[in-house]
Amino acid sequence: PPYPPTEDKRLAEMEQNEPKRRLIRDAKALAKIRKIS
């Protein structure tokens, strides 16, 4: 099978998406606090 992406590339992708992940986590937490679906 084709080789997986290198660690550097994978880490770069994770770092690039981290602000989005943080934003989504905050939104999930607020929805849970407000008890909305």
ModelCIF file with pLDDT and N, C-alpha, C, O atoms, coordinates in Angstrom:
data_MODEL
#
_entry.id   MODEL 
#
_entity.id                         1 
_entity.type                       polymer 
_entity.pdbx_number_of_molecules   1 
#
_entity_poly.entity_id                      1 
_entity_poly.type                           'polypeptide(L)' 
_entity_poly.nstd_linkage                   no 
_entity_poly.nstd_monomer                   no 
_entity_poly.pdbx_seq_one_letter_code       PPYPPTEDKRLAEMEQNEPKRRLIRDAKALAKIRKIS 
_entity_poly.pdbx_seq_one_letter_code_can   PPYPPTEDKRLAEMEQNEPKRRLIRDAKALAKIRKIS 
_entity_poly.pdbx_strand_id                 A 
#
loop_
_entity_poly_seq.entity_id 
_entity_poly_seq.num 
_entity_poly_seq.mon_id 
_entity_poly_seq.hetero 
1 1  PRO n 
1 2  PRO n 
1 3  TYR n 
1 4  PRO n 
1 5  PRO n 
1 6  THR n 
1 7  GLU n 
1 8  ASP n 
1 9  LYS n 
1 10 ARG n 
1 11 LEU n 
1 12 ALA n 
1 13 GLU n 
1 14 MET n 
1 15 GLU n 
1 16 GLN n 
1 17 ASN n 
1 18 GLU n 
1 19 PRO n 
1 20 LYS n 
1 21 ARG n 
1 22 ARG n 
1 23 LEU n 
1 24 ILE n 
1 25 ARG n 
1 26 ASP n 
1 27 ALA n 
1 28 LYS n 
1 29 ALA n 
1 30 LEU n 
1 31 ALA n 
1 32 LYS n 
1 33 ILE n 
1 34 ARG n 
1 35 LYS n 
1 36 ILE n 
1 37 SER n 
#
_struct_asym.id          A 
_struct_asym.entity_id   1 
#
loop_
_ma_qa_metric.id 
_ma_qa_metric.mode 
_ma_qa_metric.name 
_ma_qa_metric.software_group_id 
_ma_qa_metric.type 
1 global pLDDT . pLDDT 
2 local  pLDDT . pLDDT 
#
_ma_qa_metric_global.metric_id      1 
_ma_qa_metric_global.metric_value   83.78 
_ma_qa_metric_global.model_id       1 
_ma_qa_metric_global.ordinal_id     1 
#
loop_
_ma_qa_metric_local.label_asym_id 
_ma_qa_metric_local.label_comp_id 
_ma_qa_metric_local.label_seq_id 
_ma_qa_metric_local.metric_id 
_ma_qa_metric_local.metric_value 
_ma_qa_metric_local.model_id 
_ma_qa_metric_local.ordinal_id 
A PRO 1  2 62.00 1 1  
A PRO 2  2 62.00 1 2  
A TYR 3  2 57.00 1 3  
A PRO 4  2 63.00 1 4  
A PRO 5  2 58.00 1 5  
A THR 6  2 72.00 1 6  
A GLU 7  2 71.00 1 7  
A ASP 8  2 74.00 1 8  
A LYS 9  2 79.00 1 9  
A ARG 10 2 76.00 1 10 
A LEU 11 2 78.00 1 11 
A ALA 12 2 81.00 1 12 
A GLU 13 2 80.00 1 13 
A MET 14 2 80.00 1 14 
A GLU 15 2 85.00 1 15 
A GLN 16 2 85.00 1 16 
A ASN 17 2 85.00 1 17 
A GLU 18 2 89.00 1 18 
A PRO 19 2 90.00 1 19 
A LYS 20 2 91.00 1 20 
A ARG 21 2 91.00 1 21 
A ARG 22 2 92.00 1 22 
A LEU 23 2 93.00 1 23 
A ILE 24 2 93.00 1 24 
A ARG 25 2 93.00 1 25 
A ASP 26 2 93.00 1 26 
A ALA 27 2 94.00 1 27 
A LYS 28 2 93.00 1 28 
A ALA 29 2 93.00 1 29 
A LEU 30 2 93.00 1 30 
A ALA 31 2 93.00 1 31 
A LYS 32 2 93.00 1 32 
A ILE 33 2 93.00 1 33 
A ARG 34 2 93.00 1 34 
A LYS 35 2 94.00 1 35 
A ILE 36 2 94.00 1 36 
A SER 37 2 94.00 1 37 
#
loop_
_atom_site.group_PDB 
_atom_site.id 
_atom_site.type_symbol 
_atom_site.label_atom_id 
_atom_site.label_alt_id 
_atom_site.label_comp_id 
_atom_site.label_asym_id 
_atom_site.label_entity_id 
_atom_site.label_seq_id 
_atom_site.pdbx_PDB_ins_code 
_atom_site.Cartn_x 
_atom_site.Cartn_y 
_atom_site.Cartn_z 
_atom_site.occupancy 
_atom_site.B_iso_or_equiv 
_atom_site.pdbx_formal_charge 
_atom_site.auth_seq_id 
_atom_site.auth_comp_id 
_atom_site.auth_asym_id 
_atom_site.auth_atom_id 
_atom_site.pdbx_PDB_model_num 
ATOM 1   N N  . PRO A 1 1  ? 0.836   -1.201 0.000  1.00 62.00 ? 1  PRO A N  1 
ATOM 2   C CA . PRO A 1 1  ? 0.000   0.000  0.000  1.00 62.00 ? 1  PRO A CA 1 
ATOM 3   C C  . PRO A 1 1  ? 0.871   1.252  0.000  1.00 62.00 ? 1  PRO A C  1 
ATOM 4   O O  . PRO A 1 1  ? 2.026   1.210  0.424  1.00 62.00 ? 1  PRO A O  1 
ATOM 5   N N  . PRO A 1 2  ? 0.314   2.368  -0.478 1.00 62.00 ? 2  PRO A N  1 
ATOM 6   C CA . PRO A 1 2  ? 1.119   3.597  -0.509 1.00 62.00 ? 2  PRO A CA 1 
ATOM 7   C C  . PRO A 1 2  ? 1.553   3.987  0.897  1.00 62.00 ? 2  PRO A C  1 
ATOM 8   O O  . PRO A 1 2  ? 0.858   3.726  1.878  1.00 62.00 ? 2  PRO A O  1 
ATOM 9   N N  . TYR A 1 3  ? 2.694   4.603  0.967  1.00 57.00 ? 3  TYR A N  1 
ATOM 10  C CA . TYR A 1 3  ? 3.241   4.984  2.262  1.00 57.00 ? 3  TYR A CA 1 
ATOM 11  C C  . TYR A 1 3  ? 2.417   6.098  2.888  1.00 57.00 ? 3  TYR A C  1 
ATOM 12  O O  . TYR A 1 3  ? 1.930   6.981  2.182  1.00 57.00 ? 3  TYR A O  1 
ATOM 13  N N  . PRO A 1 4  ? 2.254   6.063  4.224  1.00 63.00 ? 4  PRO A N  1 
ATOM 14  C CA . PRO A 1 4  ? 1.509   7.136  4.894  1.00 63.00 ? 4  PRO A CA 1 
ATOM 15  C C  . PRO A 1 4  ? 2.289   8.442  4.825  1.00 63.00 ? 4  PRO A C  1 
ATOM 16  O O  . PRO A 1 4  ? 3.504   8.431  4.630  1.00 63.00 ? 4  PRO A O  1 
ATOM 17  N N  . PRO A 1 5  ? 1.597   9.567  4.984  1.00 58.00 ? 5  PRO A N  1 
ATOM 18  C CA . PRO A 1 5  ? 2.323   10.841 4.945  1.00 58.00 ? 5  PRO A CA 1 
ATOM 19  C C  . PRO A 1 5  ? 3.359   10.899 6.065  1.00 58.00 ? 5  PRO A C  1 
ATOM 20  O O  . PRO A 1 5  ? 3.208   10.253 7.102  1.00 58.00 ? 5  PRO A O  1 
ATOM 21  N N  . THR A 1 6  ? 4.377   11.659 5.846  1.00 72.00 ? 6  THR A N  1 
ATOM 22  C CA . THR A 1 6  ? 5.430   11.754 6.853  1.00 72.00 ? 6  THR A CA 1 
ATOM 23  C C  . THR A 1 6  ? 4.894   12.419 8.106  1.00 72.00 ? 6  THR A C  1 
ATOM 24  O O  . THR A 1 6  ? 3.862   13.089 8.081  1.00 72.00 ? 6  THR A O  1 
ATOM 25  N N  . GLU A 1 7  ? 5.602   12.225 9.188  1.00 71.00 ? 7  GLU A N  1 
ATOM 26  C CA . GLU A 1 7  ? 5.173   12.794 10.462 1.00 71.00 ? 7  GLU A CA 1 
ATOM 27  C C  . GLU A 1 7  ? 5.093   14.317 10.395 1.00 71.00 ? 7  GLU A C  1 
ATOM 28  O O  . GLU A 1 7  ? 4.166   14.914 10.943 1.00 71.00 ? 7  GLU A O  1 
ATOM 29  N N  . ASP A 1 8  ? 6.062   14.951 9.724  1.00 74.00 ? 8  ASP A N  1 
ATOM 30  C CA . ASP A 1 8  ? 6.064   16.409 9.643  1.00 74.00 ? 8  ASP A CA 1 
ATOM 31  C C  . ASP A 1 8  ? 4.812   16.922 8.946  1.00 74.00 ? 8  ASP A C  1 
ATOM 32  O O  . ASP A 1 8  ? 4.207   17.901 9.382  1.00 74.00 ? 8  ASP A O  1 
ATOM 33  N N  . LYS A 1 9  ? 4.428   16.259 7.864  1.00 79.00 ? 9  LYS A N  1 
ATOM 34  C CA . LYS A 1 9  ? 3.246   16.691 7.111  1.00 79.00 ? 9  LYS A CA 1 
ATOM 35  C C  . LYS A 1 9  ? 1.981   16.507 7.959  1.00 79.00 ? 9  LYS A C  1 
ATOM 36  O O  . LYS A 1 9  ? 1.105   17.372 7.985  1.00 79.00 ? 9  LYS A O  1 
ATOM 37  N N  . ARG A 1 10 ? 1.904   15.363 8.653  1.00 76.00 ? 10 ARG A N  1 
ATOM 38  C CA . ARG A 1 10 ? 0.731   15.085 9.489  1.00 76.00 ? 10 ARG A CA 1 
ATOM 39  C C  . ARG A 1 10 ? 0.629   16.095 10.629 1.00 76.00 ? 10 ARG A C  1 
ATOM 40  O O  . ARG A 1 10 ? -0.458  16.584 10.935 1.00 76.00 ? 10 ARG A O  1 
ATOM 41  N N  . LEU A 1 11 ? 1.765   16.405 11.257 1.00 78.00 ? 11 LEU A N  1 
ATOM 42  C CA . LEU A 1 11 ? 1.754   17.387 12.341 1.00 78.00 ? 11 LEU A CA 1 
ATOM 43  C C  . LEU A 1 11 ? 1.396   18.778 11.838 1.00 78.00 ? 11 LEU A C  1 
ATOM 44  O O  . LEU A 1 11 ? 0.699   19.527 12.523 1.00 78.00 ? 11 LEU A O  1 
ATOM 45  N N  . ALA A 1 12 ? 1.867   19.129 10.648 1.00 81.00 ? 12 ALA A N  1 
ATOM 46  C CA . ALA A 1 12 ? 1.530   20.430 10.068 1.00 81.00 ? 12 ALA A CA 1 
ATOM 47  C C  . ALA A 1 12 ? 0.025   20.539 9.827  1.00 81.00 ? 12 ALA A C  1 
ATOM 48  O O  . ALA A 1 12 ? -0.573  21.584 10.086 1.00 81.00 ? 12 ALA A O  1 
ATOM 49  N N  . GLU A 1 13 ? -0.592  19.453 9.327  1.00 80.00 ? 13 GLU A N  1 
ATOM 50  C CA . GLU A 1 13 ? -2.041  19.453 9.106  1.00 80.00 ? 13 GLU A CA 1 
ATOM 51  C C  . GLU A 1 13 ? -2.796  19.592 10.427 1.00 80.00 ? 13 GLU A C  1 
ATOM 52  O O  . GLU A 1 13 ? -3.800  20.301 10.503 1.00 80.00 ? 13 GLU A O  1 
ATOM 53  N N  . MET A 1 14 ? -2.311  18.912 11.462 1.00 80.00 ? 14 MET A N  1 
ATOM 54  C CA . MET A 1 14 ? -2.967  19.005 12.767 1.00 80.00 ? 14 MET A CA 1 
ATOM 55  C C  . MET A 1 14 ? -2.855  20.410 13.334 1.00 80.00 ? 14 MET A C  1 
ATOM 56  O O  . MET A 1 14 ? -3.820  20.940 13.885 1.00 80.00 ? 14 MET A O  1 
ATOM 57  N N  . GLU A 1 15 ? -1.679  21.014 13.202 1.00 85.00 ? 15 GLU A N  1 
ATOM 58  C CA . GLU A 1 15 ? -1.491  22.371 13.708 1.00 85.00 ? 15 GLU A CA 1 
ATOM 59  C C  . GLU A 1 15 ? -2.358  23.369 12.950 1.00 85.00 ? 15 GLU A C  1 
ATOM 60  O O  . GLU A 1 15 ? -2.873  24.327 13.527 1.00 85.00 ? 15 GLU A O  1 
ATOM 61  N N  . GLN A 1 16 ? -2.511  23.133 11.653 1.00 85.00 ? 16 GLN A N  1 
ATOM 62  C CA . GLN A 1 16 ? -3.325  24.031 10.834 1.00 85.00 ? 16 GLN A CA 1 
ATOM 63  C C  . GLN A 1 16 ? -4.789  23.966 11.270 1.00 85.00 ? 16 GLN A C  1 
ATOM 64  O O  . GLN A 1 16 ? -5.476  24.988 11.257 1.00 85.00 ? 16 GLN A O  1 
ATOM 65  N N  . ASN A 1 17 ? -5.276  22.796 11.651 1.00 85.00 ? 17 ASN A N  1 
ATOM 66  C CA . ASN A 1 17 ? -6.680  22.634 12.031 1.00 85.00 ? 17 ASN A CA 1 
ATOM 67  C C  . ASN A 1 17 ? -6.937  22.878 13.516 1.00 85.00 ? 17 ASN A C  1 
ATOM 68  O O  . ASN A 1 17 ? -8.092  22.870 13.942 1.00 85.00 ? 17 ASN A O  1 
ATOM 69  N N  . GLU A 1 18 ? -5.895  23.092 14.312 1.00 89.00 ? 18 GLU A N  1 
ATOM 70  C CA . GLU A 1 18 ? -6.085  23.245 15.756 1.00 89.00 ? 18 GLU A CA 1 
ATOM 71  C C  . GLU A 1 18 ? -6.982  24.431 16.131 1.00 89.00 ? 18 GLU A C  1 
ATOM 72  O O  . GLU A 1 18 ? -7.826  24.274 17.013 1.00 89.00 ? 18 GLU A O  1 
ATOM 73  N N  . PRO A 1 19 ? -6.844  25.609 15.509 1.00 90.00 ? 19 PRO A N  1 
ATOM 74  C CA . PRO A 1 19 ? -7.779  26.700 15.865 1.00 90.00 ? 19 PRO A CA 1 
ATOM 75  C C  . PRO A 1 19 ? -9.236  26.332 15.580 1.00 90.00 ? 19 PRO A C  1 
ATOM 76  O O  . PRO A 1 19 ? -10.133 26.712 16.333 1.00 90.00 ? 19 PRO A O  1 
ATOM 77  N N  . LYS A 1 20 ? -9.469  25.600 14.504 1.00 91.00 ? 20 LYS A N  1 
ATOM 78  C CA . LYS A 1 20 ? -10.834 25.179 14.184 1.00 91.00 ? 20 LYS A CA 1 
ATOM 79  C C  . LYS A 1 20 ? -11.334 24.193 15.229 1.00 91.00 ? 20 LYS A C  1 
ATOM 80  O O  . LYS A 1 20 ? -12.485 24.269 15.659 1.00 91.00 ? 20 LYS A O  1 
ATOM 81  N N  . ARG A 1 21 ? -10.471 23.267 15.638 1.00 91.00 ? 21 ARG A N  1 
ATOM 82  C CA . ARG A 1 21 ? -10.859 22.285 16.650 1.00 91.00 ? 21 ARG A CA 1 
ATOM 83  C C  . ARG A 1 21 ? -11.189 22.976 17.972 1.00 91.00 ? 21 ARG A C  1 
ATOM 84  O O  . ARG A 1 21 ? -12.156 22.614 18.642 1.00 91.00 ? 21 ARG A O  1 
ATOM 85  N N  . ARG A 1 22 ? -10.389 23.964 18.340 1.00 92.00 ? 22 ARG A N  1 
ATOM 86  C CA . ARG A 1 22 ? -10.617 24.707 19.583 1.00 92.00 ? 22 ARG A CA 1 
ATOM 87  C C  . ARG A 1 22 ? -11.960 25.439 19.517 1.00 92.00 ? 22 ARG A C  1 
ATOM 88  O O  . ARG A 1 22 ? -12.714 25.453 20.490 1.00 92.00 ? 22 ARG A O  1 
ATOM 89  N N  . LEU A 1 23 ? -12.252 26.046 18.361 1.00 93.00 ? 23 LEU A N  1 
ATOM 90  C CA . LEU A 1 23 ? -13.513 26.760 18.165 1.00 93.00 ? 23 LEU A CA 1 
ATOM 91  C C  . LEU A 1 23 ? -14.698 25.808 18.298 1.00 93.00 ? 23 LEU A C  1 
ATOM 92  O O  . LEU A 1 23 ? -15.696 26.131 18.942 1.00 93.00 ? 23 LEU A O  1 
ATOM 93  N N  . ILE A 1 24 ? -14.580 24.641 17.688 1.00 93.00 ? 24 ILE A N  1 
ATOM 94  C CA . ILE A 1 24 ? -15.667 23.653 17.753 1.00 93.00 ? 24 ILE A CA 1 
ATOM 95  C C  . ILE A 1 24 ? -15.843 23.148 19.187 1.00 93.00 ? 24 ILE A C  1 
ATOM 96  O O  . ILE A 1 24 ? -16.971 22.988 19.652 1.00 93.00 ? 24 ILE A O  1 
ATOM 97  N N  . ARG A 1 25 ? -14.731 22.896 19.890 1.00 93.00 ? 25 ARG A N  1 
ATOM 98  C CA . ARG A 1 25 ? -14.826 22.447 21.289 1.00 93.00 ? 25 ARG A CA 1 
ATOM 99  C C  . ARG A 1 25 ? -15.532 23.484 22.156 1.00 93.00 ? 25 ARG A C  1 
ATOM 100 O O  . ARG A 1 25 ? -16.351 23.139 23.009 1.00 93.00 ? 25 ARG A O  1 
ATOM 101 N N  . ASP A 1 26 ? -15.206 24.763 21.929 1.00 93.00 ? 26 ASP A N  1 
ATOM 102 C CA . ASP A 1 26 ? -15.865 25.833 22.687 1.00 93.00 ? 26 ASP A CA 1 
ATOM 103 C C  . ASP A 1 26 ? -17.365 25.860 22.402 1.00 93.00 ? 26 ASP A C  1 
ATOM 104 O O  . ASP A 1 26 ? -18.172 26.024 23.317 1.00 93.00 ? 26 ASP A O  1 
ATOM 105 N N  . ALA A 1 27 ? -17.733 25.700 21.136 1.00 94.00 ? 27 ALA A N  1 
ATOM 106 C CA . ALA A 1 27 ? -19.151 25.708 20.757 1.00 94.00 ? 27 ALA A CA 1 
ATOM 107 C C  . ALA A 1 27 ? -19.877 24.516 21.379 1.00 94.00 ? 27 ALA A C  1 
ATOM 108 O O  . ALA A 1 27 ? -21.000 24.661 21.860 1.00 94.00 ? 27 ALA A O  1 
ATOM 109 N N  . LYS A 1 28 ? -19.247 23.339 21.375 1.00 93.00 ? 28 LYS A N  1 
ATOM 110 C CA . LYS A 1 28 ? -19.860 22.153 21.997 1.00 93.00 ? 28 LYS A CA 1 
ATOM 111 C C  . LYS A 1 28 ? -20.063 22.376 23.494 1.00 93.00 ? 28 LYS A C  1 
ATOM 112 O O  . LYS A 1 28 ? -21.105 22.028 24.049 1.00 93.00 ? 28 LYS A O  1 
ATOM 113 N N  . ALA A 1 29 ? -19.049 22.962 24.140 1.00 93.00 ? 29 ALA A N  1 
ATOM 114 C CA . ALA A 1 29 ? -19.147 23.196 25.580 1.00 93.00 ? 29 ALA A CA 1 
ATOM 115 C C  . ALA A 1 29 ? -20.268 24.182 25.902 1.00 93.00 ? 29 ALA A C  1 
ATOM 116 O O  . ALA A 1 29 ? -21.017 23.983 26.858 1.00 93.00 ? 29 ALA A O  1 
ATOM 117 N N  . LEU A 1 30 ? -20.383 25.249 25.102 1.00 93.00 ? 30 LEU A N  1 
ATOM 118 C CA . LEU A 1 30 ? -21.438 26.244 25.340 1.00 93.00 ? 30 LEU A CA 1 
ATOM 119 C C  . LEU A 1 30 ? -22.819 25.633 25.121 1.00 93.00 ? 30 LEU A C  1 
ATOM 120 O O  . LEU A 1 30 ? -23.751 25.913 25.875 1.00 93.00 ? 30 LEU A O  1 
ATOM 121 N N  . ALA A 1 31 ? -22.952 24.797 24.085 1.00 93.00 ? 31 ALA A N  1 
ATOM 122 C CA . ALA A 1 31 ? -24.244 24.149 23.837 1.00 93.00 ? 31 ALA A CA 1 
ATOM 123 C C  . ALA A 1 31 ? -24.601 23.225 25.000 1.00 93.00 ? 31 ALA A C  1 
ATOM 124 O O  . ALA A 1 31 ? -25.769 23.126 25.378 1.00 93.00 ? 31 ALA A O  1 
ATOM 125 N N  . LYS A 1 32 ? -23.616 22.558 25.560 1.00 93.00 ? 32 LYS A N  1 
ATOM 126 C CA . LYS A 1 32 ? -23.866 21.669 26.702 1.00 93.00 ? 32 LYS A CA 1 
ATOM 127 C C  . LYS A 1 32 ? -24.282 22.478 27.928 1.00 93.00 ? 32 LYS A C  1 
ATOM 128 O O  . LYS A 1 32 ? -25.192 22.081 28.656 1.00 93.00 ? 32 LYS A O  1 
ATOM 129 N N  . ILE A 1 33 ? -23.620 23.607 28.157 1.00 93.00 ? 33 ILE A N  1 
ATOM 130 C CA . ILE A 1 33 ? -23.971 24.476 29.289 1.00 93.00 ? 33 ILE A CA 1 
ATOM 131 C C  . ILE A 1 33 ? -25.387 25.009 29.127 1.00 93.00 ? 33 ILE A C  1 
ATOM 132 O O  . ILE A 1 33 ? -26.157 25.049 30.086 1.00 93.00 ? 33 ILE A O  1 
ATOM 133 N N  . ARG A 1 34 ? -25.725 25.420 27.906 1.00 93.00 ? 34 ARG A N  1 
ATOM 134 C CA . ARG A 1 34 ? -27.070 25.963 27.644 1.00 93.00 ? 34 ARG A CA 1 
ATOM 135 C C  . ARG A 1 34 ? -28.125 24.866 27.567 1.00 93.00 ? 34 ARG A C  1 
ATOM 136 O O  . ARG A 1 34 ? -29.320 25.159 27.582 1.00 93.00 ? 34 ARG A O  1 
ATOM 137 N N  . LYS A 1 35 ? -27.702 23.607 27.484 1.00 94.00 ? 35 LYS A N  1 
ATOM 138 C CA . LYS A 1 35 ? -28.593 22.442 27.395 1.00 94.00 ? 35 LYS A CA 1 
ATOM 139 C C  . LYS A 1 35 ? -29.514 22.531 26.180 1.00 94.00 ? 35 LYS A C  1 
ATOM 140 O O  . LYS A 1 35 ? -30.732 22.391 26.281 1.00 94.00 ? 35 LYS A O  1 
ATOM 141 N N  . ILE A 1 36 ? -28.876 22.772 25.013 1.00 94.00 ? 36 ILE A N  1 
ATOM 142 C CA . ILE A 1 36 ? -29.651 22.802 23.770 1.00 94.00 ? 36 ILE A CA 1 
ATOM 143 C C  . ILE A 1 36 ? -29.196 21.652 22.876 1.00 94.00 ? 36 ILE A C  1 
ATOM 144 O O  . ILE A 1 36 ? -28.077 21.153 22.996 1.00 94.00 ? 36 ILE A O  1 
ATOM 145 N N  . SER A 1 37 ? -30.083 21.249 21.986 1.00 94.00 ? 37 SER A N  1 
ATOM 146 C CA . SER A 1 37 ? -29.773 20.144 21.075 1.00 94.00 ? 37 SER A CA 1 
ATOM 147 C C  . SER A 1 37 ? -28.961 20.652 19.878 1.00 94.00 ? 37 SER A C  1 
ATOM 148 O O  . SER A 1 37 ? -28.604 19.869 18.998 1.00 94.00 ? 37 SER A O  1 
#
